[in-house]
Amino acid sequence: MGRRRIVVGIITVAALAAGVAAWRLIDNRGSRIGRHAIYVTDVATGGSRVWRAVADRDMWAPAVSRDGASIAWHETTAEGANADLLVAAADGTQLRRIVGGSHAAWSPDGVQLAFESQIDQPGNFDIYVIGRNGGATRRLTRDSALEWAPSWSADGRLIGFTSRRTGTDQLYVVDAASGSNERRVTSGPGDAVRLAWSPDGAHVAFGSSQSGNAEIYVADPDGSHAVAITSDPADDWDPVWSPDGRRIAFLSYRDRGVASLYVMDADGANQLRLSTNAIEDSGGFGWLADGRSIIHAAAPRD
């Protein structure tokens, strides 16, 4: 299922900007690679280009700062290996390692990153905050259950995250400054994952299998008045709002059981597939600041 694992692959039918077919990627050292790289896909045309690719590294979960100037992501040497959280300028320059961790989320002011890590307790993932240039980490959650996929509220006061402390994945929020006042946002049956605030803070979106099938829901910020905006026999997960709040990108398994990237209006209308032949599970993705493209992790199919 596309909820937890840090692996995702999305290959578009368009030729890459570098002129190399997606299944024969060449990194900047001239080596053929068959691992996860980071791509930018144009929402209007579906055309893709490689943003970063390295032969001996897998890349996951790119996140764009609100001003569009910086991108964070994490890299691994193999599935299951410890991840390095990295940051670079939007053009790929000024690359730097920040900390050991994964699934970064930018604070609205771009000064801090929330992320999941096991740095204090190997084998136990919790939510942390660190400055955009590194430095001391601040631990927000301290539960023995898996805590993952942090996100910031639009006003920067709260951090949402997914936790398995009840035996299923559910959504929680915690005060970003103090790490106090944890509260649960979802309580229905099934799993609920990846809380995403709309840019104006008026709504949240998330994936949930509360009906027995995973769909995308939009709700009030406290989780109330949740309404499913997708309805498909296959699973739909991982909503991400566009910068203007008018559209939502999401991952769906409705295409032959493999993950594909979709975009729809914020009310669920006009669902459009952007990619085909996606493989494995979601590693996260984000919109570029202009709202015209989505940056995501992808890998060639075998």
C-alpha atoms as a PDB file:
ATOM      1  CA  MET A   1       0.000   0.000   0.000  1.00  0.00           C
ATOM      2  CA  GLY A   2       1.133   3.551  -0.674  1.00  0.00           C
ATOM      3  CA  ARG A   3       1.013   4.865   2.877  1.00  0.00           C
ATOM      4  CA  ARG A   4       4.281   4.285   4.696  1.00  0.00           C
ATOM      5  CA  ARG A   5       7.170   2.933   2.686  1.00  0.00           C
ATOM      6  CA  ILE A   6       9.630   5.498   1.460  1.00  0.00           C
ATOM      7  CA  VAL A   7       9.683   4.130  -2.044  1.00  0.00           C
ATOM      8  CA  VAL A   8       7.806   5.543  -5.004  1.00  0.00           C
ATOM      9  CA  GLY A   9       8.320   5.507  -8.714  1.00  0.00           C
ATOM     10  CA  ILE A  10       6.563   7.567 -11.344  1.00  0.00           C
ATOM     11  CA  ILE A  11       7.569   7.406 -14.981  1.00  0.00           C
ATOM     12  CA  THR A  12       5.835   9.622 -17.514  1.00  0.00           C
ATOM     13  CA  VAL A  13       5.372   8.755 -21.150  1.00  0.00           C
ATOM     14  CA  ALA A  14       7.031  11.998 -22.197  1.00  0.00           C
ATOM     15  CA  ALA A  15      10.719  12.072 -23.068  1.00  0.00           C
ATOM     16  CA  LEU A  16      12.926  13.585 -20.396  1.00  0.00           C
ATOM     17  CA  ALA A  17      14.329  17.046 -20.959  1.00  0.00           C
ATOM     18  CA  ALA A  18      17.799  15.589 -21.216  1.00  0.00           C
ATOM     19  CA  GLY A  19      16.634  13.574 -24.187  1.00  0.00           C
ATOM     20  CA  VAL A  20      17.257  10.224 -22.487  1.00  0.00           C
ATOM     21  CA  ALA A  21      14.490   7.652 -22.101  1.00  0.00           C
ATOM     22  CA  ALA A  22      13.360   7.271 -18.475  1.00  0.00           C
ATOM     23  CA  TRP A  23      14.462   3.657 -18.258  1.00  0.00           C
ATOM     24  CA  ARG A  24      18.031   4.543 -19.332  1.00  0.00           C
ATOM     25  CA  LEU A  25      18.842   7.429 -17.038  1.00  0.00           C
ATOM     26  CA  ILE A  26      22.418   8.655 -17.103  1.00  0.00           C
ATOM     27  CA  ASP A  27      23.826  10.542 -14.117  1.00  0.00           C
ATOM     28  CA  ASN A  28      26.419  13.310 -14.330  1.00  0.00           C
ATOM     29  CA  ARG A  29      29.270  10.785 -14.191  1.00  0.00           C
ATOM     30  CA  GLY A  30      28.056   9.003 -17.293  1.00  0.00           C
ATOM     31  CA  SER A  31      26.849   5.851 -15.535  1.00  0.00           C
ATOM     32  CA  ARG A  32      23.576   4.126 -16.233  1.00  0.00           C
ATOM     33  CA  ILE A  33      21.310   4.117 -13.184  1.00  0.00           C
ATOM     34  CA  GLY A  34      18.302   2.051 -12.222  1.00  0.00           C
ATOM     35  CA  ARG A  35      17.395   3.708  -8.967  1.00  0.00           C
ATOM     36  CA  HIS A  36      15.040   6.368  -7.675  1.00  0.00           C
ATOM     37  CA  ALA A  37      15.817   9.851  -8.916  1.00  0.00           C
ATOM     38  CA  ILE A  38      13.952  13.151  -8.586  1.00  0.00           C
ATOM     39  CA  TYR A  39      11.917  14.512 -11.490  1.00  0.00           C
ATOM     40  CA  VAL A  40       9.873  17.590 -12.257  1.00  0.00           C
ATOM     41  CA  THR A  41       6.672  16.941 -14.211  1.00  0.00           C
ATOM     42  CA  ASP A  42       4.706  19.679 -15.953  1.00  0.00           C
ATOM     43  CA  VAL A  43       1.031  19.551 -14.942  1.00  0.00           C
ATOM     44  CA  ALA A  44      -0.235  20.889 -18.269  1.00  0.00           C
ATOM     45  CA  THR A  45       1.785  18.676 -20.611  1.00  0.00           C
ATOM     46  CA  GLY A  46       2.923  15.680 -18.516  1.00  0.00           C
ATOM     47  CA  GLY A  47       6.477  16.234 -19.751  1.00  0.00           C
ATOM     48  CA  SER A  48       9.258  15.438 -17.283  1.00  0.00           C
ATOM     49  CA  ARG A  49      12.853  16.360 -16.654  1.00  0.00           C
ATOM     50  CA  VAL A  50      15.417  14.968 -14.240  1.00  0.00           C
ATOM     51  CA  TRP A  51      16.141  17.254 -11.291  1.00  0.00           C
ATOM     52  CA  ARG A  52      18.689  15.027  -9.507  1.00  0.00           C
ATOM     53  CA  ALA A  53      20.040  11.546 -10.226  1.00  0.00           C
ATOM     54  CA  VAL A  54      23.048   9.721  -8.764  1.00  0.00           C
ATOM     55  CA  ALA A  55      23.923   6.144  -9.710  1.00  0.00           C
ATOM     56  CA  ASP A  56      24.469   4.756  -6.217  1.00  0.00           C
ATOM     57  CA  ARG A  57      21.748   6.629  -4.321  1.00  0.00           C
ATOM     58  CA  ASP A  58      17.962   6.418  -4.072  1.00  0.00           C
ATOM     59  CA  MET A  59      16.108   9.718  -3.623  1.00  0.00           C
ATOM     60  CA  TRP A  60      12.747  10.221  -1.959  1.00  0.00           C
ATOM     61  CA  ALA A  61      10.101  12.718  -0.882  1.00  0.00           C
ATOM     62  CA  PRO A  62      11.145  16.097  -2.331  1.00  0.00           C
ATOM     63  CA  ALA A  63       9.552  19.023  -0.487  1.00  0.00           C
ATOM     64  CA  VAL A  64       9.533  22.614  -1.743  1.00  0.00           C
ATOM     65  CA  SER A  65       9.780  25.652   0.538  1.00  0.00           C
ATOM     66  CA  ARG A  66       6.845  28.044   0.304  1.00  0.00           C
ATOM     67  CA  ASP A  67       8.936  30.673  -1.510  1.00  0.00           C
ATOM     68  CA  GLY A  68      10.125  28.039  -3.992  1.00  0.00           C
ATOM     69  CA  ALA A  69      13.780  28.810  -3.337  1.00  0.00           C
ATOM     70  CA  SER A  70      14.778  25.529  -1.661  1.00  0.00           C
ATOM     71  CA  ILE A  71      14.061  21.826  -1.942  1.00  0.00           C
ATOM     72  CA  ALA A  72      14.552  19.196   0.764  1.00  0.00           C
ATOM     73  CA  TRP A  73      14.574  15.437   0.236  1.00  0.00           C
ATOM     74  CA  HIS A  74      16.206  12.309   1.624  1.00  0.00           C
ATOM     75  CA  GLU A  75      18.570   9.767   0.093  1.00  0.00           C
ATOM     76  CA  THR A  76      19.470   6.171   0.879  1.00  0.00           C
ATOM     77  CA  THR A  77      22.060   3.728  -0.413  1.00  0.00           C
ATOM     78  CA  ALA A  78      19.595   0.810  -0.302  1.00  0.00           C
ATOM     79  CA  GLU A  79      16.012   0.133   0.740  1.00  0.00           C
ATOM     80  CA  GLY A  80      15.920  -0.059   4.518  1.00  0.00           C
ATOM     81  CA  ALA A  81      19.212   1.804   4.915  1.00  0.00           C
ATOM     82  CA  ASN A  82      19.490   4.907   7.085  1.00  0.00           C
ATOM     83  CA  ALA A  83      18.437   8.047   5.251  1.00  0.00           C
ATOM     84  CA  ASP A  84      20.268  11.360   4.874  1.00  0.00           C
ATOM     85  CA  LEU A  85      18.174  14.523   4.772  1.00  0.00           C
ATOM     86  CA  LEU A  86      19.510  17.017   2.211  1.00  0.00           C
ATOM     87  CA  VAL A  87      18.662  20.542   1.101  1.00  0.00           C
ATOM     88  CA  ALA A  88      19.575  22.421  -2.075  1.00  0.00           C
ATOM     89  CA  ALA A  89      18.570  25.530  -3.966  1.00  0.00           C
ATOM     90  CA  ALA A  90      15.763  25.039  -6.462  1.00  0.00           C
ATOM     91  CA  ASP A  91      18.296  24.851  -9.291  1.00  0.00           C
ATOM     92  CA  GLY A  92      20.106  21.977  -7.538  1.00  0.00           C
ATOM     93  CA  THR A  93      23.096  24.009  -6.391  1.00  0.00           C
ATOM     94  CA  GLN A  94      24.199  24.668  -2.784  1.00  0.00           C
ATOM     95  CA  LEU A  95      23.695  21.010  -1.865  1.00  0.00           C
ATOM     96  CA  ARG A  96      24.189  20.191   1.809  1.00  0.00           C
ATOM     97  CA  ARG A  97      23.415  17.344   4.185  1.00  0.00           C
ATOM     98  CA  ILE A  98      21.314  18.460   7.141  1.00  0.00           C
ATOM     99  CA  VAL A  99      20.804  15.420   9.382  1.00  0.00           C
ATOM    100  CA  GLY A 100      19.943  11.736   9.395  1.00  0.00           C
ATOM    101  CA  GLY A 101      16.212  11.588   8.722  1.00  0.00           C
ATOM    102  CA  SER A 102      13.460  11.416   6.134  1.00  0.00           C
ATOM    103  CA  HIS A 103      10.194  12.949   4.861  1.00  0.00           C
ATOM    104  CA  ALA A 104      11.026  16.595   5.518  1.00  0.00           C
ATOM    105  CA  ALA A 105       8.400  19.349   5.635  1.00  0.00           C
ATOM    106  CA  TRP A 106       9.182  23.070   5.487  1.00  0.00           C
ATOM    107  CA  SER A 107       7.886  25.548   8.013  1.00  0.00           C
ATOM    108  CA  PRO A 108       5.829  28.290   6.312  1.00  0.00           C
ATOM    109  CA  ASP A 109       8.619  30.835   6.825  1.00  0.00           C
ATOM    110  CA  GLY A 110      11.215  28.444   5.372  1.00  0.00           C
ATOM    111  CA  VAL A 111      13.411  28.660   8.459  1.00  0.00           C
ATOM    112  CA  GLN A 112      12.861  25.155   9.857  1.00  0.00           C
ATOM    113  CA  LEU A 113      12.302  21.588   8.713  1.00  0.00           C
ATOM    114  CA  ALA A 114      10.177  18.964  10.429  1.00  0.00           C
ATOM    115  CA  PHE A 115      11.207  15.390   9.719  1.00  0.00           C
ATOM    116  CA  GLU A 116      11.002  11.809  10.993  1.00  0.00           C
ATOM    117  CA  SER A 117      14.064  10.134  12.450  1.00  0.00           C
ATOM    118  CA  GLN A 118      15.364   7.500  14.812  1.00  0.00           C
ATOM    119  CA  ILE A 119      18.442   9.480  15.845  1.00  0.00           C
ATOM    120  CA  ASP A 120      17.706   9.298  19.589  1.00  0.00           C
ATOM    121  CA  GLN A 121      16.266   5.815  19.671  1.00  0.00           C
ATOM    122  CA  PRO A 122      17.332   3.435  16.885  1.00  0.00           C
ATOM    123  CA  GLY A 123      14.346   1.565  15.502  1.00  0.00           C
ATOM    124  CA  ASN A 124      11.829   4.083  16.856  1.00  0.00           C
ATOM    125  CA  PHE A 125      10.831   6.871  14.477  1.00  0.00           C
ATOM    126  CA  ASP A 126       9.672  10.150  16.023  1.00  0.00           C
ATOM    127  CA  ILE A 127       9.078  13.682  14.749  1.00  0.00           C
ATOM    128  CA  TYR A 128      11.857  16.280  15.024  1.00  0.00           C
ATOM    129  CA  VAL A 129      12.496  19.879  14.006  1.00  0.00           C
ATOM    130  CA  ILE A 130      15.805  21.342  12.830  1.00  0.00           C
ATOM    131  CA  GLY A 131      16.965  24.612  11.275  1.00  0.00           C
ATOM    132  CA  ARG A 132      17.199  24.763   7.493  1.00  0.00           C
ATOM    133  CA  ASN A 133      20.995  24.845   7.737  1.00  0.00           C
ATOM    134  CA  GLY A 134      21.263  22.098  10.319  1.00  0.00           C
ATOM    135  CA  GLY A 135      22.317  22.465  13.940  1.00  0.00           C
ATOM    136  CA  ALA A 136      20.586  21.163  17.044  1.00  0.00           C
ATOM    137  CA  THR A 137      17.490  19.001  16.648  1.00  0.00           C
ATOM    138  CA  ARG A 138      14.337  19.340  18.721  1.00  0.00           C
ATOM    139  CA  ARG A 139      12.300  16.198  19.390  1.00  0.00           C
ATOM    140  CA  LEU A 140       8.522  16.678  19.309  1.00  0.00           C
ATOM    141  CA  THR A 141       7.106  13.172  19.831  1.00  0.00           C
ATOM    142  CA  ARG A 142       8.196  10.454  22.250  1.00  0.00           C
ATOM    143  CA  ASP A 143       5.936   7.504  21.636  1.00  0.00           C
ATOM    144  CA  SER A 144       7.156   3.957  21.062  1.00  0.00           C
ATOM    145  CA  ALA A 145       4.908   3.666  18.018  1.00  0.00           C
ATOM    146  CA  LEU A 146       5.945   4.688  14.511  1.00  0.00           C
ATOM    147  CA  GLU A 147       5.524   8.459  13.993  1.00  0.00           C
ATOM    148  CA  TRP A 148       6.048   9.727  10.447  1.00  0.00           C
ATOM    149  CA  ALA A 149       5.139  12.117   7.609  1.00  0.00           C
ATOM    150  CA  PRO A 150       5.149  15.510   9.403  1.00  0.00           C
ATOM    151  CA  SER A 151       3.448  18.568   7.932  1.00  0.00           C
ATOM    152  CA  TRP A 152       3.138  22.202   9.058  1.00  0.00           C
ATOM    153  CA  SER A 153      -0.100  24.098   9.488  1.00  0.00           C
ATOM    154  CA  ALA A 154      -0.487  27.157   7.277  1.00  0.00           C
ATOM    155  CA  ASP A 155       0.178  29.514  10.213  1.00  0.00           C
ATOM    156  CA  GLY A 156       3.203  27.519  11.431  1.00  0.00           C
ATOM    157  CA  ARG A 157       1.747  26.855  14.878  1.00  0.00           C
ATOM    158  CA  LEU A 158       1.045  23.143  14.510  1.00  0.00           C
ATOM    159  CA  ILE A 159       2.786  20.129  13.075  1.00  0.00           C
ATOM    160  CA  GLY A 160       0.666  17.238  11.888  1.00  0.00           C
ATOM    161  CA  PHE A 161       1.952  13.687  11.720  1.00  0.00           C
ATOM    162  CA  THR A 162       0.858  10.099  11.254  1.00  0.00           C
ATOM    163  CA  SER A 163       1.162   7.680  14.172  1.00  0.00           C
ATOM    164  CA  ARG A 164       0.489   3.992  14.622  1.00  0.00           C
ATOM    165  CA  ARG A 165       0.085   4.215  18.398  1.00  0.00           C
ATOM    166  CA  THR A 166      -3.507   2.910  18.299  1.00  0.00           C
ATOM    167  CA  GLY A 167      -2.621  -0.062  16.098  1.00  0.00           C
ATOM    168  CA  THR A 168      -3.709   1.681  12.904  1.00  0.00           C
ATOM    169  CA  ASP A 169      -2.308   4.774  11.226  1.00  0.00           C
ATOM    170  CA  GLN A 170      -4.105   7.886  12.491  1.00  0.00           C
ATOM    171  CA  LEU A 171      -3.477  11.625  12.290  1.00  0.00           C
ATOM    172  CA  TYR A 172      -2.329  13.841  15.136  1.00  0.00           C
ATOM    173  CA  VAL A 173      -1.193  17.415  15.655  1.00  0.00           C
ATOM    174  CA  VAL A 174       1.254  18.894  18.160  1.00  0.00           C
ATOM    175  CA  ASP A 175       2.282  22.435  18.986  1.00  0.00           C
ATOM    176  CA  ALA A 176       5.282  23.202  16.798  1.00  0.00           C
ATOM    177  CA  ALA A 177       7.054  25.453  19.292  1.00  0.00           C
ATOM    178  CA  SER A 178       6.686  23.426  22.479  1.00  0.00           C
ATOM    179  CA  GLY A 179       5.938  19.857  21.396  1.00  0.00           C
ATOM    180  CA  SER A 180       3.015  19.938  23.828  1.00  0.00           C
ATOM    181  CA  ASN A 181      -0.737  19.591  23.536  1.00  0.00           C
ATOM    182  CA  GLU A 182      -0.789  16.522  21.289  1.00  0.00           C
ATOM    183  CA  ARG A 183      -4.247  15.759  19.998  1.00  0.00           C
ATOM    184  CA  ARG A 184      -5.771  13.260  17.631  1.00  0.00           C
ATOM    185  CA  VAL A 185      -7.418  14.500  14.443  1.00  0.00           C
ATOM    186  CA  THR A 186      -8.900  11.260  13.056  1.00  0.00           C
ATOM    187  CA  SER A 187     -10.591   8.432  14.922  1.00  0.00           C
ATOM    188  CA  GLY A 188     -12.512   6.412  12.361  1.00  0.00           C
ATOM    189  CA  PRO A 189     -11.898   2.817  11.317  1.00  0.00           C
ATOM    190  CA  GLY A 190      -9.095   1.930   8.954  1.00  0.00           C
ATOM    191  CA  ASP A 191      -5.978   4.019   8.369  1.00  0.00           C
ATOM    192  CA  ALA A 192      -5.670   7.784   7.947  1.00  0.00           C
ATOM    193  CA  VAL A 193      -2.349   9.163   6.727  1.00  0.00           C
ATOM    194  CA  ARG A 194      -0.508  12.298   5.580  1.00  0.00           C
ATOM    195  CA  LEU A 195      -2.282  15.355   6.920  1.00  0.00           C
ATOM    196  CA  ALA A 196      -2.032  18.271   4.474  1.00  0.00           C
ATOM    197  CA  TRP A 197      -3.231  21.799   5.241  1.00  0.00           C
ATOM    198  CA  SER A 198      -4.678  23.996   2.511  1.00  0.00           C
ATOM    199  CA  PRO A 199      -2.590  27.145   1.900  1.00  0.00           C
ATOM    200  CA  ASP A 200      -5.210  29.346   3.574  1.00  0.00           C
ATOM    201  CA  GLY A 201      -5.471  27.010   6.575  1.00  0.00           C
ATOM    202  CA  ALA A 202      -9.218  26.582   6.170  1.00  0.00           C
ATOM    203  CA  HIS A 203      -9.141  22.850   5.390  1.00  0.00           C
ATOM    204  CA  VAL A 204      -7.025  19.734   5.663  1.00  0.00           C
ATOM    205  CA  ALA A 205      -6.781  16.825   3.262  1.00  0.00           C
ATOM    206  CA  PHE A 206      -5.671  13.264   3.976  1.00  0.00           C
ATOM    207  CA  GLY A 207      -5.941   9.713   2.708  1.00  0.00           C
ATOM    208  CA  SER A 208      -8.179   7.360   4.665  1.00  0.00           C
ATOM    209  CA  SER A 209      -9.494   3.822   4.348  1.00  0.00           C
ATOM    210  CA  GLN A 210     -12.336   4.451   6.810  1.00  0.00           C
ATOM    211  CA  SER A 211     -14.897   3.301   4.238  1.00  0.00           C
ATOM    212  CA  GLY A 212     -12.965   0.099   3.533  1.00  0.00           C
ATOM    213  CA  ASN A 213     -11.297   1.627   0.475  1.00  0.00           C
ATOM    214  CA  ALA A 214      -8.683   4.362   0.557  1.00  0.00           C
ATOM    215  CA  GLU A 215      -9.959   7.720  -0.681  1.00  0.00           C
ATOM    216  CA  ILE A 216      -8.913  11.352  -0.399  1.00  0.00           C
ATOM    217  CA  TYR A 217     -10.865  13.342   2.195  1.00  0.00           C
ATOM    218  CA  VAL A 218     -11.140  17.060   2.861  1.00  0.00           C
ATOM    219  CA  ALA A 219     -12.156  18.200   6.345  1.00  0.00           C
ATOM    220  CA  ASP A 220     -12.098  21.089   8.775  1.00  0.00           C
ATOM    221  CA  PRO A 221      -8.680  21.546  10.440  1.00  0.00           C
ATOM    222  CA  ASP A 222      -9.786  19.588  13.505  1.00  0.00           C
ATOM    223  CA  GLY A 223     -10.786  16.620  11.323  1.00  0.00           C
ATOM    224  CA  SER A 224     -14.525  17.236  11.543  1.00  0.00           C
ATOM    225  CA  HIS A 225     -16.929  17.340   8.586  1.00  0.00           C
ATOM    226  CA  ALA A 226     -14.732  15.036   6.505  1.00  0.00           C
ATOM    227  CA  VAL A 227     -15.951  14.490   2.943  1.00  0.00           C
ATOM    228  CA  ALA A 228     -14.493  12.041   0.428  1.00  0.00           C
ATOM    229  CA  ILE A 229     -13.572  13.821  -2.800  1.00  0.00           C
ATOM    230  CA  THR A 230     -12.432  10.679  -4.643  1.00  0.00           C
ATOM    231  CA  SER A 231     -14.446   7.531  -5.232  1.00  0.00           C
ATOM    232  CA  ASP A 232     -12.690   4.690  -6.992  1.00  0.00           C
ATOM    233  CA  PRO A 233     -12.395   0.955  -6.317  1.00  0.00           C
ATOM    234  CA  ALA A 234      -8.607   1.354  -6.171  1.00  0.00           C
ATOM    235  CA  ASP A 235      -6.739   3.097  -3.359  1.00  0.00           C
ATOM    236  CA  ASP A 236      -6.114   6.854  -3.449  1.00  0.00           C
ATOM    237  CA  TRP A 237      -3.531   8.334  -1.048  1.00  0.00           C
ATOM    238  CA  ASP A 238      -1.189  11.231  -0.283  1.00  0.00           C
ATOM    239  CA  PRO A 239      -2.954  14.511  -1.137  1.00  0.00           C
ATOM    240  CA  VAL A 240      -0.819  17.626  -1.688  1.00  0.00           C
ATOM    241  CA  TRP A 241      -2.424  21.071  -2.190  1.00  0.00           C
ATOM    242  CA  SER A 242      -1.294  23.327  -5.006  1.00  0.00           C
ATOM    243  CA  PRO A 243       0.160  26.700  -3.882  1.00  0.00           C
ATOM    244  CA  ASP A 244      -3.075  28.525  -4.753  1.00  0.00           C
ATOM    245  CA  GLY A 245      -5.254  25.916  -3.041  1.00  0.00           C
ATOM    246  CA  ARG A 246      -7.301  25.240  -6.148  1.00  0.00           C
ATOM    247  CA  ARG A 247      -5.962  21.763  -6.942  1.00  0.00           C
ATOM    248  CA  ILE A 248      -4.784  18.656  -5.146  1.00  0.00           C
ATOM    249  CA  ALA A 249      -2.206  16.174  -6.399  1.00  0.00           C
ATOM    250  CA  PHE A 250      -2.530  12.607  -5.143  1.00  0.00           C
ATOM    251  CA  LEU A 251      -1.350   9.061  -5.717  1.00  0.00           C
ATOM    252  CA  SER A 252      -3.752   6.437  -7.065  1.00  0.00           C
ATOM    253  CA  TYR A 253      -3.515   2.708  -7.718  1.00  0.00           C
ATOM    254  CA  ARG A 254      -6.419   2.664 -10.182  1.00  0.00           C
ATOM    255  CA  ASP A 255      -4.131   2.008 -13.180  1.00  0.00           C
ATOM    256  CA  ARG A 256      -3.463  -1.724 -13.277  1.00  0.00           C
ATOM    257  CA  GLY A 257      -2.670  -1.721  -9.570  1.00  0.00           C
ATOM    258  CA  VAL A 258       0.451   0.427  -9.834  1.00  0.00           C
ATOM    259  CA  ALA A 259       0.841   3.916  -8.429  1.00  0.00           C
ATOM    260  CA  SER A 260       0.218   6.878 -10.695  1.00  0.00           C
ATOM    261  CA  LEU A 261       0.291  10.589  -9.999  1.00  0.00           C
ATOM    262  CA  TYR A 262      -3.036  12.420 -10.432  1.00  0.00           C
ATOM    263  CA  VAL A 263      -4.231  16.014 -10.148  1.00  0.00           C
ATOM    264  CA  MET A 264      -7.782  17.163  -9.450  1.00  0.00           C
ATOM    265  CA  ASP A 265      -9.679  20.278  -8.452  1.00  0.00           C
ATOM    266  CA  ALA A 266      -9.925  20.842  -4.702  1.00  0.00           C
ATOM    267  CA  ASP A 267     -13.523  19.579  -4.761  1.00  0.00           C
ATOM    268  CA  GLY A 268     -12.544  16.341  -6.532  1.00  0.00           C
ATOM    269  CA  ALA A 269     -13.616  17.371 -10.033  1.00  0.00           C
ATOM    270  CA  ASN A 270     -11.515  17.012 -13.189  1.00  0.00           C
ATOM    271  CA  GLN A 271      -9.264  14.156 -12.092  1.00  0.00           C
ATOM    272  CA  LEU A 272      -6.315  13.897 -14.470  1.00  0.00           C
ATOM    273  CA  ARG A 273      -3.529  11.323 -14.570  1.00  0.00           C
ATOM    274  CA  LEU A 274      -0.091  12.871 -14.957  1.00  0.00           C
ATOM    275  CA  SER A 275       2.049   9.760 -15.001  1.00  0.00           C
ATOM    276  CA  THR A 276       1.939   6.120 -16.037  1.00  0.00           C
ATOM    277  CA  ASN A 277       3.911   3.025 -15.081  1.00  0.00           C
ATOM    278  CA  ALA A 278       4.614   4.254 -11.560  1.00  0.00           C
ATOM    279  CA  ILE A 279       6.179   1.630  -9.345  1.00  0.00           C
ATOM    280  CA  GLU A 280       6.228   0.726  -5.670  1.00  0.00           C
ATOM    281  CA  ASP A 281       4.845   3.118  -3.064  1.00  0.00           C
ATOM    282  CA  SER A 282       4.672   6.788  -2.235  1.00  0.00           C
ATOM    283  CA  GLY A 283       7.804   8.639  -1.270  1.00  0.00           C
ATOM    284  CA  GLY A 284       6.114  12.020  -1.212  1.00  0.00           C
ATOM    285  CA  PHE A 285       6.004  14.848  -3.717  1.00  0.00           C
ATOM    286  CA  GLY A 286       5.340  18.557  -3.879  1.00  0.00           C
ATOM    287  CA  TRP A 287       4.284  21.430  -6.094  1.00  0.00           C
ATOM    288  CA  LEU A 288       6.766  23.970  -7.337  1.00  0.00           C
ATOM    289  CA  ALA A 289       5.962  27.501  -6.207  1.00  0.00           C
ATOM    290  CA  ASP A 290       4.465  28.559  -9.538  1.00  0.00           C
ATOM    291  CA  GLY A 291       1.869  25.775  -9.386  1.00  0.00           C
ATOM    292  CA  ARG A 292       2.756  24.560 -12.860  1.00  0.00           C
ATOM    293  CA  SER A 293       4.877  21.527 -12.016  1.00  0.00           C
ATOM    294  CA  ILE A 294       5.208  18.751  -9.454  1.00  0.00           C
ATOM    295  CA  ILE A 295       8.515  17.435  -8.145  1.00  0.00           C
ATOM    296  CA  HIS A 296       8.548  13.749  -7.248  1.00  0.00           C
ATOM    297  CA  ALA A 297      10.637  10.628  -6.824  1.00  0.00           C
ATOM    298  CA  ALA A 298      10.633   7.986  -9.535  1.00  0.00           C
ATOM    299  CA  ALA A 299      12.443   4.854 -10.683  1.00  0.00           C
ATOM    300  CA  PRO A 300      12.588   2.802 -13.896  1.00  0.00           C
ATOM    301  CA  ARG A 301      10.569  -0.381 -14.057  1.00  0.00           C
ATOM    302  CA  ASP A 302      12.398  -3.691 -14.318  1.00  0.00           C
END
